[in-house]
Amino acid sequence: MDLARIRRVIEEVAGAEYTGPSGVWWLLKRHGWSRQIPTRRAYERDEKAVMTWRSEVWPQVEPQPGTAKQ
């Protein structure tokens, strides 16, 4: 679970700011939420296409350290 992403969504949607992951985690637990993990992979998943995307496309679009928008 990426608490930083959840923190950003909370800030954008509700206008509430949390200083760190512990505040976000506390908020999720308080509301009875947990991270969602699929129990299985999609039947239609094309492993070859996924591997191609990871090796060829992702390196071109991956944000470099220090250049990501905050």
PDB file of N, CA and C in Angstrom:
ATOM      1  N   MET A   1       0.856  -1.175   0.000  1.00  0.00           N
ATOM      2  CA  MET A   1       0.000   0.000   0.000  1.00  0.00           C
ATOM      3  C   MET A   1       0.890   1.222   0.000  1.00  0.00           C
ATOM      4  N   ASP A   2       0.586   2.129  -0.856  1.00  0.00           N
ATOM      5  CA  ASP A   2       1.382   3.336  -0.967  1.00  0.00           C
ATOM      6  C   ASP A   2       0.657   4.464  -0.243  1.00  0.00           C
ATOM      7  N   LEU A   3       1.020   4.671   1.014  1.00  0.00           N
ATOM      8  CA  LEU A   3       0.360   5.682   1.836  1.00  0.00           C
ATOM      9  C   LEU A   3       0.595   7.089   1.315  1.00  0.00           C
ATOM     10  N   ALA A   4       1.701   7.324   0.639  1.00  0.00           N
ATOM     11  CA  ALA A   4       1.967   8.649   0.074  1.00  0.00           C
ATOM     12  C   ALA A   4       0.941   8.991  -1.006  1.00  0.00           C
ATOM     13  N   ARG A   5       0.588   8.005  -1.822  1.00  0.00           N
ATOM     14  CA  ARG A   5      -0.426   8.249  -2.857  1.00  0.00           C
ATOM     15  C   ARG A   5      -1.790   8.493  -2.226  1.00  0.00           C
ATOM     16  N   ILE A   6      -2.120   7.717  -1.205  1.00  0.00           N
ATOM     17  CA  ILE A   6      -3.398   7.892  -0.523  1.00  0.00           C
ATOM     18  C   ILE A   6      -3.442   9.267   0.132  1.00  0.00           C
ATOM     19  N   ARG A   7      -2.318   9.672   0.721  1.00  0.00           N
ATOM     20  CA  ARG A   7      -2.216  10.996   1.354  1.00  0.00           C
ATOM     21  C   ARG A   7      -2.496  12.087   0.329  1.00  0.00           C
ATOM     22  N   ARG A   8      -1.941  11.947  -0.867  1.00  0.00           N
ATOM     23  CA  ARG A   8      -2.130  12.944  -1.918  1.00  0.00           C
ATOM     24  C   ARG A   8      -3.590  13.005  -2.356  1.00  0.00           C
ATOM     25  N   VAL A   9      -4.242  11.860  -2.463  1.00  0.00           N
ATOM     26  CA  VAL A   9      -5.659  11.834  -2.844  1.00  0.00           C
ATOM     27  C   VAL A   9      -6.508  12.502  -1.770  1.00  0.00           C
ATOM     28  N   ILE A  10      -6.233  12.201  -0.503  1.00  0.00           N
ATOM     29  CA  ILE A  10      -6.975  12.829   0.593  1.00  0.00           C
ATOM     30  C   ILE A  10      -6.818  14.340   0.532  1.00  0.00           C
ATOM     31  N   GLU A  11      -5.597  14.789   0.287  1.00  0.00           N
ATOM     32  CA  GLU A  11      -5.331  16.224   0.221  1.00  0.00           C
ATOM     33  C   GLU A  11      -6.078  16.877  -0.936  1.00  0.00           C
ATOM     34  N   GLU A  12      -6.075  16.222  -2.107  1.00  0.00           N
ATOM     35  CA  GLU A  12      -6.742  16.781  -3.281  1.00  0.00           C
ATOM     36  C   GLU A  12      -8.259  16.785  -3.135  1.00  0.00           C
ATOM     37  N   VAL A  13      -8.808  15.706  -2.586  1.00  0.00           N
ATOM     38  CA  VAL A  13     -10.263  15.568  -2.512  1.00  0.00           C
ATOM     39  C   VAL A  13     -10.857  16.315  -1.327  1.00  0.00           C
ATOM     40  N   ALA A  14     -10.226  16.143  -0.153  1.00  0.00           N
ATOM     41  CA  ALA A  14     -10.813  16.695   1.072  1.00  0.00           C
ATOM     42  C   ALA A  14     -10.140  17.968   1.557  1.00  0.00           C
ATOM     43  N   GLY A  15      -8.971  18.265   1.018  1.00  0.00           N
ATOM     44  CA  GLY A  15      -8.261  19.451   1.467  1.00  0.00           C
ATOM     45  C   GLY A  15      -7.587  19.275   2.816  1.00  0.00           C
ATOM     46  N   ALA A  16      -7.563  18.047   3.333  1.00  0.00           N
ATOM     47  CA  ALA A  16      -6.925  17.763   4.619  1.00  0.00           C
ATOM     48  C   ALA A  16      -5.500  17.312   4.365  1.00  0.00           C
ATOM     49  N   GLU A  17      -4.560  17.854   5.132  1.00  0.00           N
ATOM     50  CA  GLU A  17      -3.158  17.483   4.960  1.00  0.00           C
ATOM     51  C   GLU A  17      -2.686  16.632   6.124  1.00  0.00           C
ATOM     52  N   TYR A  18      -1.979  15.556   5.801  1.00  0.00           N
ATOM     53  CA  TYR A  18      -1.356  14.698   6.801  1.00  0.00           C
ATOM     54  C   TYR A  18       0.144  14.762   6.585  1.00  0.00           C
ATOM     55  N   THR A  19       0.902  14.876   7.658  1.00  0.00           N
ATOM     56  CA  THR A  19       2.340  15.071   7.530  1.00  0.00           C
ATOM     57  C   THR A  19       3.089  13.798   7.193  1.00  0.00           C
ATOM     58  N   GLY A  20       2.543  12.668   7.503  1.00  0.00           N
ATOM     59  CA  GLY A  20       3.279  11.441   7.243  1.00  0.00           C
ATOM     60  C   GLY A  20       2.374  10.249   7.091  1.00  0.00           C
ATOM     61  N   PRO A  21       2.961   9.108   6.762  1.00  0.00           N
ATOM     62  CA  PRO A  21       2.186   7.887   6.550  1.00  0.00           C
ATOM     63  C   PRO A  21       1.426   7.429   7.788  1.00  0.00           C
ATOM     64  N   SER A  22       1.943   7.712   8.984  1.00  0.00           N
ATOM     65  CA  SER A  22       1.263   7.237  10.191  1.00  0.00           C
ATOM     66  C   SER A  22      -0.113   7.875  10.335  1.00  0.00           C
ATOM     67  N   GLY A  23      -0.242   9.141   9.963  1.00  0.00           N
ATOM     68  CA  GLY A  23      -1.546   9.807  10.026  1.00  0.00           C
ATOM     69  C   GLY A  23      -2.529   9.220   9.039  1.00  0.00           C
ATOM     70  N   VAL A  24      -2.046   8.899   7.857  1.00  0.00           N
ATOM     71  CA  VAL A  24      -2.895   8.301   6.832  1.00  0.00           C
ATOM     72  C   VAL A  24      -3.315   6.903   7.273  1.00  0.00           C
ATOM     73  N   TRP A  25      -2.355   6.128   7.781  1.00  0.00           N
ATOM     74  CA  TRP A  25      -2.653   4.781   8.239  1.00  0.00           C
ATOM     75  C   TRP A  25      -3.677   4.808   9.368  1.00  0.00           C
ATOM     76  N   TRP A  26      -3.515   5.747  10.286  1.00  0.00           N
ATOM     77  CA  TRP A  26      -4.452   5.889  11.408  1.00  0.00           C
ATOM     78  C   TRP A  26      -5.850   6.191  10.875  1.00  0.00           C
ATOM     79  N   LEU A  27      -5.930   7.084   9.891  1.00  0.00           N
ATOM     80  CA  LEU A  27      -7.222   7.455   9.314  1.00  0.00           C
ATOM     81  C   LEU A  27      -7.889   6.250   8.648  1.00  0.00           C
ATOM     82  N   LEU A  28      -7.124   5.476   7.889  1.00  0.00           N
ATOM     83  CA  LEU A  28      -7.684   4.290   7.241  1.00  0.00           C
ATOM     84  C   LEU A  28      -8.210   3.299   8.273  1.00  0.00           C
ATOM     85  N   LYS A  29      -7.406   3.019   9.297  1.00  0.00           N
ATOM     86  CA  LYS A  29      -7.827   2.079  10.336  1.00  0.00           C
ATOM     87  C   LYS A  29      -9.062   2.583  11.064  1.00  0.00           C
ATOM     88  N   ARG A  30      -9.105   3.881  11.343  1.00  0.00           N
ATOM     89  CA  ARG A  30     -10.239   4.481  12.074  1.00  0.00           C
ATOM     90  C   ARG A  30     -11.560   4.256  11.336  1.00  0.00           C
ATOM     91  N   HIS A  31     -11.495   4.266  10.014  1.00  0.00           N
ATOM     92  CA  HIS A  31     -12.704   4.083   9.212  1.00  0.00           C
ATOM     93  C   HIS A  31     -12.934   2.631   8.806  1.00  0.00           C
ATOM     94  N   GLY A  32     -12.095   1.734   9.317  1.00  0.00           N
ATOM     95  CA  GLY A  32     -12.282   0.320   9.039  1.00  0.00           C
ATOM     96  C   GLY A  32     -11.833  -0.105   7.656  1.00  0.00           C
ATOM     97  N   TRP A  33     -10.983   0.715   7.031  1.00  0.00           N
ATOM     98  CA  TRP A  33     -10.513   0.388   5.698  1.00  0.00           C
ATOM     99  C   TRP A  33      -9.209  -0.378   5.786  1.00  0.00           C
ATOM    100  N   SER A  34      -8.929  -1.151   4.761  1.00  0.00           N
ATOM    101  CA  SER A  34      -7.666  -1.859   4.676  1.00  0.00           C
ATOM    102  C   SER A  34      -7.227  -1.838   3.225  1.00  0.00           C
ATOM    103  N   ARG A  35      -5.986  -2.230   3.004  1.00  0.00           N
ATOM    104  CA  ARG A  35      -5.531  -2.251   1.622  1.00  0.00           C
ATOM    105  C   ARG A  35      -6.215  -3.385   0.877  1.00  0.00           C
ATOM    106  N   GLN A  36      -6.422  -3.159  -0.373  1.00  0.00           N
ATOM    107  CA  GLN A  36      -7.096  -4.143  -1.205  1.00  0.00           C
ATOM    108  C   GLN A  36      -6.071  -4.850  -2.065  1.00  0.00           C
ATOM    109  N   ILE A  37      -6.005  -6.152  -1.966  1.00  0.00           N
ATOM    110  CA  ILE A  37      -5.080  -6.943  -2.752  1.00  0.00           C
ATOM    111  C   ILE A  37      -5.886  -7.989  -3.512  1.00  0.00           C
ATOM    112  N   PRO A  38      -5.736  -8.025  -4.830  1.00  0.00           N
ATOM    113  CA  PRO A  38      -6.475  -9.041  -5.592  1.00  0.00           C
ATOM    114  C   PRO A  38      -6.092 -10.445  -5.127  1.00  0.00           C
ATOM    115  N   THR A  39      -7.058 -11.315  -5.079  1.00  0.00           N
ATOM    116  CA  THR A  39      -6.790 -12.686  -4.652  1.00  0.00           C
ATOM    117  C   THR A  39      -6.199 -13.524  -5.774  1.00  0.00           C
ATOM    118  N   ARG A  40      -6.363 -13.070  -7.028  1.00  0.00           N
ATOM    119  CA  ARG A  40      -5.815 -13.809  -8.158  1.00  0.00           C
ATOM    120  C   ARG A  40      -5.557 -12.838  -9.303  1.00  0.00           C
ATOM    121  N   ARG A  41      -4.798 -13.287 -10.262  1.00  0.00           N
ATOM    122  CA  ARG A  41      -4.534 -12.482 -11.463  1.00  0.00           C
ATOM    123  C   ARG A  41      -5.688 -12.665 -12.449  1.00  0.00           C
ATOM    124  N   ALA A  42      -5.886 -11.672 -13.284  1.00  0.00           N
ATOM    125  CA  ALA A  42      -6.934 -11.751 -14.295  1.00  0.00           C
ATOM    126  C   ALA A  42      -6.662 -12.908 -15.245  1.00  0.00           C
ATOM    127  N   TYR A  43      -7.670 -13.633 -15.578  1.00  0.00           N
ATOM    128  CA  TYR A  43      -7.542 -14.770 -16.494  1.00  0.00           C
ATOM    129  C   TYR A  43      -7.026 -14.312 -17.854  1.00  0.00           C
ATOM    130  N   GLU A  44      -7.450 -13.118 -18.270  1.00  0.00           N
ATOM    131  CA  GLU A  44      -7.108 -12.606 -19.585  1.00  0.00           C
ATOM    132  C   GLU A  44      -5.712 -11.990 -19.640  1.00  0.00           C
ATOM    133  N   ARG A  45      -4.990 -11.936 -18.535  1.00  0.00           N
ATOM    134  CA  ARG A  45      -3.692 -11.276 -18.474  1.00  0.00           C
ATOM    135  C   ARG A  45      -2.717 -11.889 -19.485  1.00  0.00           C
ATOM    136  N   ASP A  46      -2.081 -11.022 -20.235  1.00  0.00           N
ATOM    137  CA  ASP A  46      -1.107 -11.449 -21.244  1.00  0.00           C
ATOM    138  C   ASP A  46       0.288 -11.199 -20.668  1.00  0.00           C
ATOM    139  N   GLU A  47       0.902 -12.241 -20.128  1.00  0.00           N
ATOM    140  CA  GLU A  47       2.198 -12.110 -19.461  1.00  0.00           C
ATOM    141  C   GLU A  47       3.280 -11.582 -20.397  1.00  0.00           C
ATOM    142  N   LYS A  48       3.251 -11.979 -21.652  1.00  0.00           N
ATOM    143  CA  LYS A  48       4.247 -11.507 -22.599  1.00  0.00           C
ATOM    144  C   LYS A  48       4.115  -9.995 -22.815  1.00  0.00           C
ATOM    145  N   ALA A  49       2.891  -9.518 -22.943  1.00  0.00           N
ATOM    146  CA  ALA A  49       2.659  -8.079 -23.119  1.00  0.00           C
ATOM    147  C   ALA A  49       3.083  -7.304 -21.879  1.00  0.00           C
ATOM    148  N   VAL A  50       2.837  -7.866 -20.713  1.00  0.00           N
ATOM    149  CA  VAL A  50       3.233  -7.208 -19.465  1.00  0.00           C
ATOM    150  C   VAL A  50       4.752  -7.098 -19.393  1.00  0.00           C
ATOM    151  N   MET A  51       5.457  -8.161 -19.695  1.00  0.00           N
ATOM    152  CA  MET A  51       6.923  -8.142 -19.652  1.00  0.00           C
ATOM    153  C   MET A  51       7.495  -7.157 -20.680  1.00  0.00           C
ATOM    154  N   THR A  52       6.891  -7.104 -21.861  1.00  0.00           N
ATOM    155  CA  THR A  52       7.337  -6.157 -22.880  1.00  0.00           C
ATOM    156  C   THR A  52       7.143  -4.735 -22.389  1.00  0.00           C
ATOM    157  N   TRP A  53       5.986  -4.442 -21.827  1.00  0.00           N
ATOM    158  CA  TRP A  53       5.705  -3.098 -21.324  1.00  0.00           C
ATOM    159  C   TRP A  53       6.699  -2.725 -20.229  1.00  0.00           C
ATOM    160  N   ARG A  54       6.941  -3.647 -19.291  1.00  0.00           N
ATOM    161  CA  ARG A  54       7.869  -3.362 -18.196  1.00  0.00           C
ATOM    162  C   ARG A  54       9.285  -3.082 -18.701  1.00  0.00           C
ATOM    163  N   SER A  55       9.724  -3.803 -19.707  1.00  0.00           N
ATOM    164  CA  SER A  55      11.109  -3.654 -20.163  1.00  0.00           C
ATOM    165  C   SER A  55      11.296  -2.532 -21.178  1.00  0.00           C
ATOM    166  N   GLU A  56      10.260  -2.202 -21.965  1.00  0.00           N
ATOM    167  CA  GLU A  56      10.425  -1.211 -23.026  1.00  0.00           C
ATOM    168  C   GLU A  56       9.741   0.122 -22.751  1.00  0.00           C
ATOM    169  N   VAL A  57       8.535   0.097 -22.227  1.00  0.00           N
ATOM    170  CA  VAL A  57       7.766   1.334 -22.050  1.00  0.00           C
ATOM    171  C   VAL A  57       8.048   1.982 -20.698  1.00  0.00           C
ATOM    172  N   TRP A  58       7.980   1.226 -19.627  1.00  0.00           N
ATOM    173  CA  TRP A  58       8.116   1.793 -18.291  1.00  0.00           C
ATOM    174  C   TRP A  58       9.418   2.570 -18.091  1.00  0.00           C
ATOM    175  N   PRO A  59      10.573   2.073 -18.552  1.00  0.00           N
ATOM    176  CA  PRO A  59      11.806   2.851 -18.370  1.00  0.00           C
ATOM    177  C   PRO A  59      11.744   4.243 -19.015  1.00  0.00           C
ATOM    178  N   GLN A  60      10.938   4.403 -20.053  1.00  0.00           N
ATOM    179  CA  GLN A  60      10.823   5.694 -20.730  1.00  0.00           C
ATOM    180  C   GLN A  60       9.924   6.664 -19.978  1.00  0.00           C
ATOM    181  N   VAL A  61       8.947   6.150 -19.226  1.00  0.00           N
ATOM    182  CA  VAL A  61       7.990   7.032 -18.540  1.00  0.00           C
ATOM    183  C   VAL A  61       8.214   7.109 -17.037  1.00  0.00           C
ATOM    184  N   GLU A  62       9.072   6.262 -16.506  1.00  0.00           N
ATOM    185  CA  GLU A  62       9.332   6.230 -15.059  1.00  0.00           C
ATOM    186  C   GLU A  62       9.937   7.552 -14.610  1.00  0.00           C
ATOM    187  N   PRO A  63       9.362   8.191 -13.589  1.00  0.00           N
ATOM    188  CA  PRO A  63       9.945   9.436 -13.091  1.00  0.00           C
ATOM    189  C   PRO A  63      11.322   9.170 -12.488  1.00  0.00           C
ATOM    190  N   GLN A  64      12.242  10.050 -12.743  1.00  0.00           N
ATOM    191  CA  GLN A  64      13.578   9.936 -12.184  1.00  0.00           C
ATOM    192  C   GLN A  64      13.585  10.487 -10.761  1.00  0.00           C
ATOM    193  N   PRO A  65      14.398   9.949  -9.869  1.00  0.00           N
ATOM    194  CA  PRO A  65      14.457  10.453  -8.497  1.00  0.00           C
ATOM    195  C   PRO A  65      14.752  11.955  -8.486  1.00  0.00           C
ATOM    196  N   GLY A  66      13.975  12.657  -7.669  1.00  0.00           N
ATOM    197  CA  GLY A  66      14.176  14.093  -7.530  1.00  0.00           C
ATOM    198  C   GLY A  66      13.428  14.931  -8.550  1.00  0.00           C
ATOM    199  N   THR A  67      12.765  14.286  -9.512  1.00  0.00           N
ATOM    200  CA  THR A  67      12.035  15.050 -10.531  1.00  0.00           C
ATOM    201  C   THR A  67      10.532  14.895 -10.406  1.00  0.00           C
ATOM    202  N   ALA A  68      10.064  14.061  -9.496  1.00  0.00           N
ATOM    203  CA  ALA A  68       8.628  13.828  -9.337  1.00  0.00           C
ATOM    204  C   ALA A  68       7.953  15.060  -8.762  1.00  0.00           C
ATOM    205  N   LYS A  69       6.720  15.320  -9.200  1.00  0.00           N
ATOM    206  CA  LYS A  69       5.945  16.436  -8.657  1.00  0.00           C
ATOM    207  C   LYS A  69       5.527  16.113  -7.242  1.00  0.00           C
ATOM    208  N   GLN A  70       5.618  17.074  -6.390  1.00  0.00           N
ATOM    209  CA  GLN A  70       5.254  16.875  -4.980  1.00  0.00           C
ATOM    210  C   GLN A  70       3.883  17.438  -4.720  1.00  0.00           C
TER     211      GLN A  70
END
